[in-house]
Amino acid sequence: MKPIPVKEIAPAHSQQTNTGRFSIRSLEQVLNGHDMLHELHRHNFFFILALEKGKGIHEIDFVRYEVRDHSLFILRPGQVHRLELKADSTGFLLEFDSAFYQPSDRISNRRWKAATGKSHCEVEKSRFRRLHTALANMLQEYNSKQEGYTEAIKANLDLFFIEYLRQSHNPNGSISGESNYTQDRFEDLMRLLESHIGSIKSVSEYAALLNLSIYQLNSITKTSVGKTVSELINEQIVLEAKRYLLASSSQVKEIADQLGYEDPSYFVRFFKKQTGYSPEAFRKNAK
């Protein structure tokens, strides 16, 4: 099985602390006057791209976004992406692992999950300034490394995610305790799907992992995204299959095995039913 290329935080660009690894750089430093082209790959860390000014293309899990001024992108570990940036783009690039930043209190953790579940956001220029302030403060703390700088960076990350989520369609809307619970459970399910889809494909098993009944879990997913748990399971299988088909040269039977299918022909039929293409046709047509 030939794996999807996985990038780690480069030691030359990051600071290793007792609580994990963190890096922040200006895009001017990263690009150094040259266009950027990163082919499909994964990260094993969180990745934040904040564009004050920018042009290019960013594909995240095969969804294509135009890079524009005042746009932001957040990737979780494991997501596949492809990035093109023009040399004159400006902004910030952050990279850090969960050992460095992982909120422990309930409210901050809910905010963190919601933010990392929103891969792309475009904001007005006036609102980008508030995000820019938090990012610039992190860069200054990172470069100066004065006493307590890691705590200052984490505090600014908190502020960044608060403002990032305010860019939602209803930033002033109140959230009830019931909807908070539904959102929490839905995000827990999505993370379980990301980490266990190769071995678990049963609705009942995911419900058991979340200490919910099948009825309760289906109610949560229908309320959140209008889909059943089975539909979300199928979508995650297809997404992971696409990741391997386009970001690796693995054979279809190897991908089927990686996704937990003992019979490759069954996997091929499932993929074609879901997408309209055989795995090989999808790989050929996407290139």
Foldseek 3Di string as FASTA:
>chain_A
DWDFAEDEDDPVAWDQDPQWIKGKDKVCVVLVQHKDWDPKGFYQWKKKDFWQAWFWWKAKLNDIDTDGHQKMFIEHGPIIMIIIIGNPITDMMMIIHVSLPQDDDDVLNLLVLVQNVDGMAHDDNVLSVQLRVLSVLLVVLVVVVDPPSSVSNRVSVSSNSLSSVCRDPCNPDDDDPVNSVLSVLVSVLVVCLSVCQLPDLDLCVSCVVSVHHLVVQQVSCCVVPNDGPNVVSLVSLLSQLVSCLARHPDDQCVSCVSSNHPDSVVVQVSNCVVPVDGSVVVSVVVD
